[in-house]
């Protein structure tokens, strides 16, 4: 019996982010898909270059496949995220998925999705009520130029913010952020593609 979706990701943080997002069916405008998740043992480069091989044996068991990885660390950072996505999707087509699979390359990395202006970011990272507040700290540390801009090094900023707040970095934080932070104002292109893919595959007709 086939399930709706198999998701191949580069690491556990990405897995828990997608799991969290897929609990937000109303916000995404989709029905609830049945899913399984796999982490590629070679992480970002593995998803990029060998994701189609990993997913080839699963063609008959899932209606759709999704590959998600970071642009930073994939080994082909000189190429655009769009070019890399097309490469992955071409390989997926050739491995038997046809038009039932897609790739999302996050630029520069997953943590760019963390940096929303939502108060949930402050709460979940342990910065609620702190002085300076999280946005001011980002500017002071020169991760951003303004309080509304996203950090140029989102992963480094996230890790340092957690360290100062005394919070352990864990996949559960990514799940909490994905299930809490508003989705409507995120203008990241990779996130926009993810939402569009899910809506096209799993439309909610209720």
N, C-alpha and C. Protein backbone atom coordinates (compact mmCIF):
# COMPACT_ATOMS: atom_id res chain seq x y z
N UNK A 1 0.85 -1.20 0.00
CA UNK A 1 0.00 0.00 0.00
C UNK A 1 0.88 1.24 0.00
N UNK A 2 0.62 2.17 -0.90
CA UNK A 2 1.47 3.36 -1.01
C UNK A 2 1.05 4.44 -0.04
N UNK A 3 2.02 5.25 0.36
CA UNK A 3 1.76 6.44 1.15
C UNK A 3 1.86 7.66 0.24
N UNK A 4 1.44 8.80 0.77
CA UNK A 4 1.44 10.01 -0.04
C UNK A 4 2.84 10.51 -0.37
N UNK A 5 3.75 10.47 0.60
CA UNK A 5 4.99 11.23 0.46
C UNK A 5 6.15 10.57 1.19
N UNK A 6 7.30 10.53 0.52
CA UNK A 6 8.57 10.20 1.16
C UNK A 6 9.45 11.45 1.08
N UNK A 7 10.05 11.81 2.21
CA UNK A 7 10.88 13.01 2.30
C UNK A 7 12.31 12.59 2.62
N UNK A 8 13.24 12.96 1.76
CA UNK A 8 14.66 12.71 1.97
C UNK A 8 15.34 14.02 2.33
N UNK A 9 15.96 14.06 3.49
CA UNK A 9 16.57 15.30 3.98
C UNK A 9 18.04 15.07 4.32
N UNK A 10 18.74 16.19 4.55
CA UNK A 10 20.18 16.13 4.81
C UNK A 10 20.52 15.88 6.27
N UNK A 11 19.61 16.21 7.19
CA UNK A 11 19.91 16.00 8.61
C UNK A 11 18.62 15.98 9.42
N UNK A 12 18.76 15.67 10.71
CA UNK A 12 17.61 15.55 11.60
C UNK A 12 16.90 16.89 11.81
N UNK A 13 17.65 17.97 11.86
CA UNK A 13 17.00 19.27 12.04
C UNK A 13 16.03 19.56 10.90
N UNK A 14 16.43 19.20 9.70
CA UNK A 14 15.58 19.38 8.54
C UNK A 14 14.36 18.46 8.62
N UNK A 15 14.59 17.22 9.05
CA UNK A 15 13.49 16.27 9.20
C UNK A 15 12.42 16.82 10.15
N UNK A 16 12.87 17.31 11.30
CA UNK A 16 11.91 17.79 12.30
C UNK A 16 11.25 19.09 11.87
N UNK A 17 11.95 19.88 11.06
CA UNK A 17 11.33 21.09 10.52
C UNK A 17 10.18 20.72 9.58
N UNK A 18 10.43 19.80 8.66
CA UNK A 18 9.38 19.40 7.73
C UNK A 18 8.23 18.71 8.46
N UNK A 19 8.57 17.87 9.44
CA UNK A 19 7.52 17.22 10.24
C UNK A 19 6.63 18.27 10.92
N UNK A 20 7.27 19.29 11.48
CA UNK A 20 6.52 20.34 12.15
C UNK A 20 5.65 21.11 11.18
N UNK A 21 6.21 21.45 10.02
CA UNK A 21 5.44 22.20 9.03
C UNK A 21 4.22 21.41 8.56
N UNK A 22 4.37 20.10 8.43
CA UNK A 22 3.26 19.30 7.91
C UNK A 22 2.16 19.06 8.93
N UNK A 23 2.34 19.57 10.15
CA UNK A 23 1.22 19.61 11.09
C UNK A 23 0.35 20.85 10.85
N UNK A 24 0.84 21.79 10.04
CA UNK A 24 0.18 23.08 9.82
C UNK A 24 -0.65 23.04 8.55
N UNK A 25 -1.48 22.05 8.42
CA UNK A 25 -2.21 21.86 7.17
C UNK A 25 -3.08 23.05 6.81
N UNK A 26 -3.73 23.64 7.80
CA UNK A 26 -4.61 24.78 7.51
C UNK A 26 -3.81 25.98 7.01
N UNK A 27 -2.69 26.25 7.68
CA UNK A 27 -1.84 27.38 7.26
C UNK A 27 -1.25 27.16 5.88
N UNK A 28 -0.97 25.91 5.54
CA UNK A 28 -0.40 25.59 4.23
C UNK A 28 -1.46 25.43 3.16
N UNK A 29 -2.72 25.27 3.58
CA UNK A 29 -3.80 25.08 2.63
C UNK A 29 -3.80 23.71 1.98
N UNK A 30 -3.41 22.68 2.77
CA UNK A 30 -3.32 21.33 2.23
C UNK A 30 -4.09 20.35 3.12
N UNK A 31 -4.33 19.16 2.58
CA UNK A 31 -4.82 18.07 3.42
C UNK A 31 -3.63 17.41 4.11
N UNK A 32 -3.88 16.58 5.09
CA UNK A 32 -2.79 15.92 5.81
C UNK A 32 -2.26 14.73 5.01
N UNK A 33 -1.02 14.78 4.53
CA UNK A 33 -0.47 13.64 3.80
C UNK A 33 0.09 12.58 4.74
N UNK A 34 0.11 11.34 4.28
CA UNK A 34 0.83 10.28 5.00
C UNK A 34 2.28 10.30 4.54
N UNK A 35 3.21 10.28 5.49
CA UNK A 35 4.62 10.54 5.16
C UNK A 35 5.57 9.58 5.86
N UNK A 36 6.71 9.36 5.23
CA UNK A 36 7.88 8.76 5.86
C UNK A 36 9.08 9.65 5.57
N UNK A 37 10.05 9.60 6.47
CA UNK A 37 11.21 10.49 6.39
C UNK A 37 12.49 9.67 6.44
N UNK A 38 13.47 10.10 5.65
CA UNK A 38 14.79 9.48 5.67
C UNK A 38 15.85 10.58 5.67
N UNK A 39 16.93 10.34 6.42
CA UNK A 39 18.09 11.24 6.42
C UNK A 39 19.18 10.58 5.59
N UNK A 40 19.68 11.29 4.58
CA UNK A 40 20.74 10.71 3.76
C UNK A 40 22.03 10.62 4.57
N UNK A 41 22.68 9.47 4.57
CA UNK A 41 23.91 9.32 5.38
C UNK A 41 25.05 10.24 4.95
N UNK A 42 24.99 10.73 3.73
CA UNK A 42 26.02 11.66 3.24
C UNK A 42 25.54 13.11 3.28
N UNK A 43 24.45 13.34 3.96
CA UNK A 43 23.94 14.69 4.24
C UNK A 43 23.68 15.49 2.95
N UNK A 44 24.10 16.77 2.93
CA UNK A 44 23.75 17.63 1.78
C UNK A 44 24.32 17.12 0.45
N UNK A 45 25.63 16.78 0.38
CA UNK A 45 26.14 16.27 -0.90
C UNK A 45 25.45 14.98 -1.33
N UNK A 46 25.08 14.13 -0.37
CA UNK A 46 24.39 12.89 -0.70
C UNK A 46 23.02 13.15 -1.30
N UNK A 47 22.28 14.09 -0.69
CA UNK A 47 20.97 14.45 -1.24
C UNK A 47 21.10 15.01 -2.65
N UNK A 48 22.12 15.83 -2.85
CA UNK A 48 22.31 16.47 -4.15
C UNK A 48 22.68 15.47 -5.24
N UNK A 49 23.68 14.66 -4.97
CA UNK A 49 24.26 13.81 -6.00
C UNK A 49 23.67 12.40 -6.07
N UNK A 50 23.20 11.90 -4.93
CA UNK A 50 22.75 10.51 -4.90
C UNK A 50 21.35 10.33 -4.30
N UNK A 51 20.62 11.42 -4.17
CA UNK A 51 19.27 11.32 -3.64
C UNK A 51 18.37 10.47 -4.51
N UNK A 52 18.55 10.56 -5.83
CA UNK A 52 17.73 9.78 -6.75
C UNK A 52 17.99 8.29 -6.59
N UNK A 53 19.26 7.92 -6.33
CA UNK A 53 19.58 6.51 -6.11
C UNK A 53 18.95 6.00 -4.82
N UNK A 54 18.99 6.85 -3.79
CA UNK A 54 18.39 6.48 -2.50
C UNK A 54 16.89 6.23 -2.66
N UNK A 55 16.24 7.07 -3.44
CA UNK A 55 14.79 7.02 -3.57
C UNK A 55 14.29 6.05 -4.66
N UNK A 56 15.19 5.60 -5.52
CA UNK A 56 14.78 4.74 -6.64
C UNK A 56 13.99 3.50 -6.19
N UNK A 57 14.42 2.79 -5.13
CA UNK A 57 13.67 1.58 -4.73
C UNK A 57 12.29 1.88 -4.15
N UNK A 58 12.01 3.14 -3.87
CA UNK A 58 10.76 3.51 -3.21
C UNK A 58 9.69 4.02 -4.17
N UNK A 59 10.00 4.00 -5.45
CA UNK A 59 9.11 4.58 -6.47
C UNK A 59 7.69 4.02 -6.38
N UNK A 60 7.57 2.70 -6.13
CA UNK A 60 6.26 2.06 -6.14
C UNK A 60 5.49 2.20 -4.83
N UNK A 61 6.17 2.73 -3.82
CA UNK A 61 5.57 2.74 -2.48
C UNK A 61 5.07 4.10 -2.03
N UNK A 62 5.38 5.15 -2.79
CA UNK A 62 4.97 6.50 -2.42
C UNK A 62 4.46 7.22 -3.67
N UNK A 63 3.47 8.06 -3.47
CA UNK A 63 2.93 8.83 -4.59
C UNK A 63 3.84 9.98 -4.99
N UNK A 64 4.57 10.54 -4.00
CA UNK A 64 5.46 11.67 -4.27
C UNK A 64 6.74 11.55 -3.45
N UNK A 65 7.79 12.20 -3.95
CA UNK A 65 9.07 12.26 -3.22
C UNK A 65 9.55 13.70 -3.18
N UNK A 66 10.12 14.06 -2.04
CA UNK A 66 10.64 15.41 -1.84
C UNK A 66 12.06 15.30 -1.29
N UNK A 67 12.99 16.01 -1.91
CA UNK A 67 14.39 16.06 -1.45
C UNK A 67 14.67 17.48 -0.95
N UNK A 68 15.18 17.59 0.29
CA UNK A 68 15.44 18.90 0.88
C UNK A 68 16.87 18.94 1.41
N UNK A 69 17.61 19.98 1.07
CA UNK A 69 19.00 20.12 1.51
C UNK A 69 19.39 21.57 1.57
N UNK A 70 20.54 21.83 2.20
CA UNK A 70 21.11 23.18 2.26
C UNK A 70 21.97 23.45 1.03
N UNK A 71 22.00 24.69 0.62
CA UNK A 71 22.92 25.13 -0.42
C UNK A 71 24.35 25.14 0.13
N UNK A 72 24.54 25.74 1.30
CA UNK A 72 25.85 25.73 1.95
C UNK A 72 26.18 24.31 2.38
N UNK A 73 27.35 23.86 2.00
CA UNK A 73 27.77 22.52 2.39
C UNK A 73 27.43 21.43 1.41
N UNK A 74 26.76 21.79 0.31
CA UNK A 74 26.37 20.75 -0.65
C UNK A 74 27.51 20.38 -1.60
N UNK A 75 28.56 21.22 -1.63
CA UNK A 75 29.71 20.94 -2.49
C UNK A 75 29.66 21.62 -3.85
N UNK A 76 28.53 22.23 -4.18
CA UNK A 76 28.41 22.94 -5.45
C UNK A 76 27.82 24.33 -5.22
N UNK A 77 28.40 25.02 -4.26
CA UNK A 77 27.88 26.33 -3.85
C UNK A 77 28.00 27.39 -4.94
N UNK A 78 28.85 27.16 -5.94
CA UNK A 78 28.99 28.14 -7.02
C UNK A 78 27.78 28.14 -7.95
N UNK A 79 26.98 27.07 -7.90
CA UNK A 79 25.76 26.99 -8.70
C UNK A 79 24.57 27.54 -7.91
N UNK A 80 23.61 28.11 -8.59
CA UNK A 80 22.43 28.66 -7.92
C UNK A 80 21.57 27.55 -7.36
N UNK A 81 20.75 27.90 -6.38
CA UNK A 81 19.83 26.89 -5.81
C UNK A 81 18.88 26.37 -6.88
N UNK A 82 18.43 27.25 -7.79
CA UNK A 82 17.51 26.83 -8.84
C UNK A 82 18.16 25.80 -9.77
N UNK A 83 19.43 26.03 -10.10
CA UNK A 83 20.14 25.09 -10.98
C UNK A 83 20.29 23.74 -10.31
N UNK A 84 20.62 23.75 -9.03
CA UNK A 84 20.80 22.50 -8.30
C UNK A 84 19.47 21.75 -8.18
N UNK A 85 18.40 22.49 -7.92
CA UNK A 85 17.08 21.85 -7.85
C UNK A 85 16.72 21.16 -9.16
N UNK A 86 17.00 21.83 -10.26
CA UNK A 86 16.70 21.25 -11.58
C UNK A 86 17.53 20.00 -11.84
N UNK A 87 18.80 20.02 -11.39
CA UNK A 87 19.65 18.84 -11.56
C UNK A 87 19.08 17.64 -10.80
N UNK A 88 18.70 17.89 -9.54
CA UNK A 88 18.14 16.81 -8.72
C UNK A 88 16.86 16.29 -9.35
N UNK A 89 15.99 17.20 -9.76
CA UNK A 89 14.70 16.80 -10.32
C UNK A 89 14.87 16.03 -11.63
N UNK A 90 15.87 16.39 -12.42
CA UNK A 90 16.14 15.65 -13.66
C UNK A 90 16.56 14.23 -13.33
N UNK A 91 17.39 14.07 -12.31
CA UNK A 91 17.82 12.72 -11.91
C UNK A 91 16.64 11.91 -11.36
N UNK A 92 15.78 12.58 -10.62
CA UNK A 92 14.60 11.89 -10.07
C UNK A 92 13.68 11.42 -11.19
N UNK A 93 13.50 12.25 -12.21
CA UNK A 93 12.68 11.85 -13.36
C UNK A 93 13.27 10.59 -13.99
N UNK A 94 14.60 10.59 -14.18
CA UNK A 94 15.27 9.46 -14.80
C UNK A 94 15.27 8.20 -13.97
N UNK A 95 15.06 8.35 -12.66
CA UNK A 95 15.07 7.17 -11.78
C UNK A 95 13.69 6.58 -11.57
N UNK A 96 12.70 7.10 -12.32
CA UNK A 96 11.38 6.50 -12.29
C UNK A 96 10.29 7.31 -11.62
N UNK A 97 10.64 8.48 -11.06
CA UNK A 97 9.63 9.28 -10.36
C UNK A 97 8.80 10.14 -11.29
N UNK A 98 9.33 10.39 -12.48
CA UNK A 98 8.59 11.24 -13.41
C UNK A 98 8.35 12.62 -12.82
N UNK A 99 7.09 13.08 -12.92
CA UNK A 99 6.76 14.40 -12.39
C UNK A 99 6.23 14.33 -10.95
N UNK A 100 6.49 13.22 -10.28
CA UNK A 100 5.97 13.02 -8.93
C UNK A 100 6.96 13.40 -7.84
N UNK A 101 8.09 14.01 -8.21
CA UNK A 101 9.13 14.34 -7.23
C UNK A 101 9.62 15.77 -7.44
N UNK A 102 10.16 16.34 -6.37
CA UNK A 102 10.69 17.71 -6.44
C UNK A 102 11.81 17.87 -5.44
N UNK A 103 12.60 18.90 -5.65
CA UNK A 103 13.73 19.21 -4.77
C UNK A 103 13.62 20.64 -4.28
N UNK A 104 14.01 20.85 -3.02
CA UNK A 104 14.07 22.19 -2.44
C UNK A 104 15.47 22.38 -1.86
N UNK A 105 16.20 23.35 -2.39
CA UNK A 105 17.53 23.69 -1.89
C UNK A 105 17.42 25.01 -1.13
N UNK A 106 17.73 24.97 0.17
CA UNK A 106 17.57 26.14 1.02
C UNK A 106 18.84 26.97 0.98
N UNK A 107 18.70 28.25 0.66
CA UNK A 107 19.87 29.13 0.54
C UNK A 107 19.85 30.21 1.62
N UNK A 108 20.91 30.34 2.44
CA UNK A 108 22.09 29.48 2.40
C UNK A 108 21.92 28.16 3.15
N UNK A 109 21.03 28.15 4.16
CA UNK A 109 20.88 26.94 4.98
C UNK A 109 19.56 27.02 5.75
N UNK A 110 19.20 25.89 6.34
CA UNK A 110 17.90 25.76 7.01
C UNK A 110 17.61 26.87 8.00
N UNK A 111 18.61 27.31 8.74
CA UNK A 111 18.39 28.28 9.80
C UNK A 111 17.87 29.63 9.29
N UNK A 112 17.94 29.88 7.98
CA UNK A 112 17.36 31.11 7.45
C UNK A 112 15.86 31.15 7.70
N UNK A 113 15.22 29.96 7.79
CA UNK A 113 13.79 29.89 8.07
C UNK A 113 13.49 30.19 9.53
N UNK A 114 14.50 30.08 10.40
CA UNK A 114 14.30 30.32 11.83
C UNK A 114 14.04 31.80 12.09
N UNK A 115 14.72 32.67 11.33
CA UNK A 115 14.77 34.08 11.69
C UNK A 115 13.54 34.85 11.21
N UNK A 116 12.44 34.54 11.84
CA UNK A 116 11.19 35.28 11.65
C UNK A 116 11.09 36.34 12.73
N UNK A 117 10.25 37.34 12.50
CA UNK A 117 10.02 38.36 13.53
C UNK A 117 9.01 37.91 14.58
N UNK A 118 8.58 36.68 14.51
CA UNK A 118 7.61 36.16 15.46
C UNK A 118 8.17 36.13 16.89
N UNK A 119 7.35 36.48 17.88
CA UNK A 119 7.79 36.38 19.27
C UNK A 119 8.09 34.95 19.69
N UNK A 120 7.58 33.97 18.95
CA UNK A 120 7.87 32.58 19.27
C UNK A 120 9.35 32.26 19.12
N UNK A 121 10.03 32.97 18.22
CA UNK A 121 11.47 32.74 18.06
C UNK A 121 12.20 33.09 19.35
N UNK A 122 11.84 34.23 19.95
CA UNK A 122 12.47 34.63 21.21
C UNK A 122 12.17 33.63 22.32
N UNK A 123 10.93 33.17 22.39
CA UNK A 123 10.54 32.23 23.45
C UNK A 123 11.25 30.90 23.31
N UNK A 124 11.25 30.36 22.11
CA UNK A 124 11.79 29.02 21.90
C UNK A 124 13.31 29.00 22.02
N UNK A 125 13.96 30.09 21.65
CA UNK A 125 15.42 30.16 21.78
C UNK A 125 15.88 30.60 23.17
N UNK A 126 14.93 30.93 24.04
CA UNK A 126 15.30 31.31 25.40
C UNK A 126 15.61 32.79 25.58
N UNK A 127 15.21 33.62 24.61
CA UNK A 127 15.53 35.05 24.67
C UNK A 127 14.38 35.92 25.14
N UNK A 128 13.24 35.35 25.43
CA UNK A 128 12.10 36.17 25.86
C UNK A 128 12.44 36.90 27.15
N UNK A 129 12.25 38.24 27.16
CA UNK A 129 12.48 39.04 28.35
C UNK A 129 13.93 39.43 28.59
N UNK A 130 14.83 39.01 27.71
CA UNK A 130 16.25 39.33 27.91
C UNK A 130 16.58 40.74 27.41
N UNK A 131 17.63 41.32 27.98
CA UNK A 131 18.15 42.60 27.54
C UNK A 131 19.64 42.44 27.21
N UNK A 132 20.08 42.80 25.98
CA UNK A 132 19.23 43.30 24.89
C UNK A 132 18.34 42.19 24.36
N UNK A 133 17.29 42.59 23.63
CA UNK A 133 16.44 41.58 23.02
C UNK A 133 17.19 40.94 21.85
N UNK A 134 16.63 39.86 21.34
CA UNK A 134 17.33 39.06 20.34
C UNK A 134 17.66 39.85 19.09
N UNK A 135 16.73 40.66 18.60
CA UNK A 135 16.98 41.43 17.38
C UNK A 135 18.08 42.47 17.59
N UNK A 136 18.06 43.13 18.75
CA UNK A 136 19.11 44.11 19.05
C UNK A 136 20.47 43.42 19.13
N UNK A 137 20.50 42.25 19.75
CA UNK A 137 21.75 41.49 19.87
C UNK A 137 22.30 41.12 18.49
N UNK A 138 21.43 40.72 17.57
CA UNK A 138 21.88 40.38 16.22
C UNK A 138 22.57 41.57 15.55
N UNK A 139 21.99 42.76 15.74
CA UNK A 139 22.59 43.97 15.15
C UNK A 139 23.92 44.29 15.86
N UNK A 140 23.94 44.20 17.18
CA UNK A 140 25.15 44.49 17.95
C UNK A 140 26.30 43.57 17.55
N UNK A 141 25.97 42.32 17.28
CA UNK A 141 27.00 41.34 16.91
C UNK A 141 27.30 41.35 15.41
N UNK A 142 26.67 42.28 14.69
CA UNK A 142 26.88 42.47 13.26
C UNK A 142 26.47 41.27 12.41
N UNK A 143 25.51 40.50 12.92
CA UNK A 143 24.92 39.46 12.09
C UNK A 143 23.96 40.06 11.07
N UNK A 144 23.36 41.21 11.43
CA UNK A 144 22.48 41.94 10.53
C UNK A 144 22.76 43.43 10.65
N UNK A 145 22.28 44.19 9.67
CA UNK A 145 22.42 45.65 9.71
C UNK A 145 21.22 46.31 10.37
N UNK A 146 20.07 45.65 10.29
CA UNK A 146 18.85 46.22 10.87
C UNK A 146 18.10 45.15 11.65
N UNK A 147 17.16 45.57 12.46
CA UNK A 147 16.40 44.65 13.29
C UNK A 147 15.46 43.75 12.47
N UNK A 148 15.15 44.16 11.27
CA UNK A 148 14.21 43.39 10.46
C UNK A 148 14.90 42.47 9.46
N UNK A 149 16.20 42.66 9.23
CA UNK A 149 16.91 41.85 8.25
C UNK A 149 17.28 40.48 8.83
N UNK A 150 17.37 39.49 7.96
CA UNK A 150 17.81 38.16 8.38
C UNK A 150 19.33 38.12 8.42
N UNK A 151 19.91 37.31 9.31
CA UNK A 151 21.38 37.22 9.39
C UNK A 151 21.98 36.64 8.10
N UNK A 152 23.13 37.17 7.72
CA UNK A 152 23.82 36.64 6.55
C UNK A 152 24.37 35.24 6.84
N UNK A 153 24.66 34.97 8.11
CA UNK A 153 25.12 33.64 8.55
C UNK A 153 24.09 33.09 9.55
N UNK A 154 22.97 32.61 9.05
CA UNK A 154 21.87 32.24 9.94
C UNK A 154 22.21 31.13 10.92
N UNK A 155 22.97 30.13 10.49
CA UNK A 155 23.31 29.02 11.38
C UNK A 155 24.23 29.48 12.51
N UNK A 156 25.24 30.24 12.18
CA UNK A 156 26.17 30.75 13.19
C UNK A 156 25.43 31.63 14.19
N UNK A 157 24.56 32.50 13.69
CA UNK A 157 23.80 33.39 14.57
C UNK A 157 22.89 32.58 15.49
N UNK A 158 22.24 31.56 14.95
CA UNK A 158 21.33 30.73 15.75
C UNK A 158 22.10 29.99 16.84
N UNK A 159 23.22 29.41 16.49
CA UNK A 159 24.00 28.65 17.46
C UNK A 159 24.54 29.55 18.57
N UNK A 160 25.00 30.74 18.22
CA UNK A 160 25.51 31.66 19.24
C UNK A 160 24.38 32.17 20.14
N UNK A 161 23.23 32.43 19.55
CA UNK A 161 22.08 32.89 20.33
C UNK A 161 21.66 31.83 21.34
N UNK A 162 21.62 30.58 20.91
CA UNK A 162 21.26 29.48 21.81
C UNK A 162 22.29 29.33 22.94
N UNK A 163 23.55 29.45 22.59
CA UNK A 163 24.62 29.31 23.58
C UNK A 163 24.51 30.37 24.67
N UNK A 164 24.27 31.60 24.25
CA UNK A 164 24.16 32.69 25.23
C UNK A 164 22.91 32.54 26.10
N UNK A 165 21.87 31.96 25.53
CA UNK A 165 20.63 31.77 26.30
C UNK A 165 20.67 30.51 27.16
N UNK A 166 21.74 29.71 27.01
CA UNK A 166 21.83 28.48 27.78
C UNK A 166 20.93 27.38 27.28
N UNK A 167 20.60 27.44 25.98
CA UNK A 167 19.73 26.44 25.38
C UNK A 167 20.56 25.44 24.59
N UNK A 168 20.27 24.16 24.78
CA UNK A 168 20.95 23.13 24.00
C UNK A 168 20.37 23.09 22.60
N UNK A 169 21.22 22.99 21.61
CA UNK A 169 20.76 22.87 20.22
C UNK A 169 20.21 21.47 20.02
N UNK A 170 18.99 21.37 19.55
CA UNK A 170 18.39 20.06 19.32
C UNK A 170 17.36 20.15 18.20
N UNK A 171 17.06 18.99 17.63
CA UNK A 171 16.06 18.95 16.56
C UNK A 171 14.68 19.36 17.06
N UNK A 172 14.43 19.16 18.35
CA UNK A 172 13.12 19.51 18.90
C UNK A 172 12.86 21.01 18.82
N UNK A 173 13.91 21.83 18.87
CA UNK A 173 13.75 23.28 18.71
C UNK A 173 13.22 23.61 17.32
N UNK A 174 13.73 22.91 16.32
CA UNK A 174 13.28 23.15 14.95
C UNK A 174 11.82 22.73 14.79
N UNK A 175 11.44 21.65 15.46
CA UNK A 175 10.04 21.21 15.41
C UNK A 175 9.14 22.25 16.08
N UNK A 176 9.56 22.76 17.23
CA UNK A 176 8.76 23.77 17.94
C UNK A 176 8.61 25.03 17.10
N UNK A 177 9.69 25.46 16.48
CA UNK A 177 9.62 26.65 15.63
C UNK A 177 8.69 26.42 14.44
N UNK A 178 8.80 25.24 13.82
CA UNK A 178 7.98 24.95 12.64
C UNK A 178 6.50 24.85 12.98
N UNK A 179 6.19 24.43 14.21
CA UNK A 179 4.78 24.29 14.59
C UNK A 179 4.21 25.56 15.20
N UNK A 180 5.04 26.58 15.44
CA UNK A 180 4.59 27.76 16.17
C UNK A 180 4.63 29.06 15.36
N UNK A 181 5.69 29.26 14.62
CA UNK A 181 5.91 30.54 13.94
C UNK A 181 4.96 30.69 12.75
N UNK A 182 4.39 31.88 12.57
CA UNK A 182 3.50 32.14 11.45
C UNK A 182 4.18 31.90 10.11
N UNK A 183 3.44 31.37 9.15
CA UNK A 183 4.01 31.02 7.85
C UNK A 183 3.70 32.04 6.77
N UNK A 184 2.70 32.86 7.01
CA UNK A 184 2.19 33.71 5.93
C UNK A 184 3.16 34.79 5.49
N UNK A 185 4.07 35.21 6.37
CA UNK A 185 4.95 36.33 6.02
C UNK A 185 6.34 35.89 5.55
N UNK A 186 6.58 34.60 5.46
CA UNK A 186 7.89 34.12 5.03
C UNK A 186 8.02 34.29 3.52
N UNK A 187 9.01 35.07 3.10
CA UNK A 187 9.19 35.34 1.67
C UNK A 187 10.41 34.61 1.10
N UNK A 188 11.01 33.71 1.88
CA UNK A 188 12.16 32.96 1.39
C UNK A 188 11.75 32.15 0.16
N UNK A 189 12.52 32.23 -0.94
CA UNK A 189 12.13 31.55 -2.19
C UNK A 189 12.00 30.04 -2.04
N UNK A 190 12.92 29.41 -1.32
CA UNK A 190 12.85 27.96 -1.15
C UNK A 190 11.61 27.57 -0.35
N UNK A 191 11.28 28.37 0.66
CA UNK A 191 10.08 28.08 1.44
C UNK A 191 8.83 28.27 0.59
N UNK A 192 8.85 29.29 -0.24
CA UNK A 192 7.73 29.51 -1.15
C UNK A 192 7.54 28.34 -2.11
N UNK A 193 8.65 27.79 -2.60
CA UNK A 193 8.56 26.63 -3.49
C UNK A 193 7.99 25.43 -2.74
N UNK A 194 8.47 25.22 -1.50
CA UNK A 194 7.96 24.10 -0.71
C UNK A 194 6.45 24.19 -0.53
N UNK A 195 5.96 25.38 -0.16
CA UNK A 195 4.52 25.55 0.03
C UNK A 195 3.75 25.28 -1.26
N UNK A 196 4.28 25.77 -2.38
CA UNK A 196 3.60 25.58 -3.66
C UNK A 196 3.54 24.11 -4.05
N UNK A 197 4.64 23.39 -3.81
CA UNK A 197 4.68 21.96 -4.13
C UNK A 197 3.64 21.21 -3.31
N UNK A 198 3.65 21.45 -2.00
CA UNK A 198 2.72 20.74 -1.12
C UNK A 198 1.26 21.04 -1.50
N UNK A 199 1.00 22.28 -1.87
CA UNK A 199 -0.36 22.64 -2.23
C UNK A 199 -0.80 21.99 -3.54
N UNK A 200 0.14 21.83 -4.45
CA UNK A 200 -0.21 21.19 -5.72
C UNK A 200 -0.39 19.68 -5.55
N UNK A 201 0.37 19.07 -4.65
CA UNK A 201 0.29 17.63 -4.45
C UNK A 201 -0.87 17.23 -3.54
N UNK A 202 -1.14 18.05 -2.52
CA UNK A 202 -2.10 17.65 -1.49
C UNK A 202 -3.15 18.75 -1.26
N UNK A 203 -3.87 19.13 -2.31
CA UNK A 203 -4.87 20.20 -2.16
C UNK A 203 -5.96 19.81 -1.18
N UNK A 204 -6.44 20.80 -0.47
CA UNK A 204 -7.53 20.58 0.49
C UNK A 204 -8.84 21.00 -0.16
N UNK A 205 -9.69 20.04 -0.46
CA UNK A 205 -10.96 20.33 -1.13
C UNK A 205 -12.12 20.40 -0.15
N UNK A 206 -11.81 20.32 1.14
CA UNK A 206 -12.90 20.32 2.13
C UNK A 206 -13.52 21.70 2.26
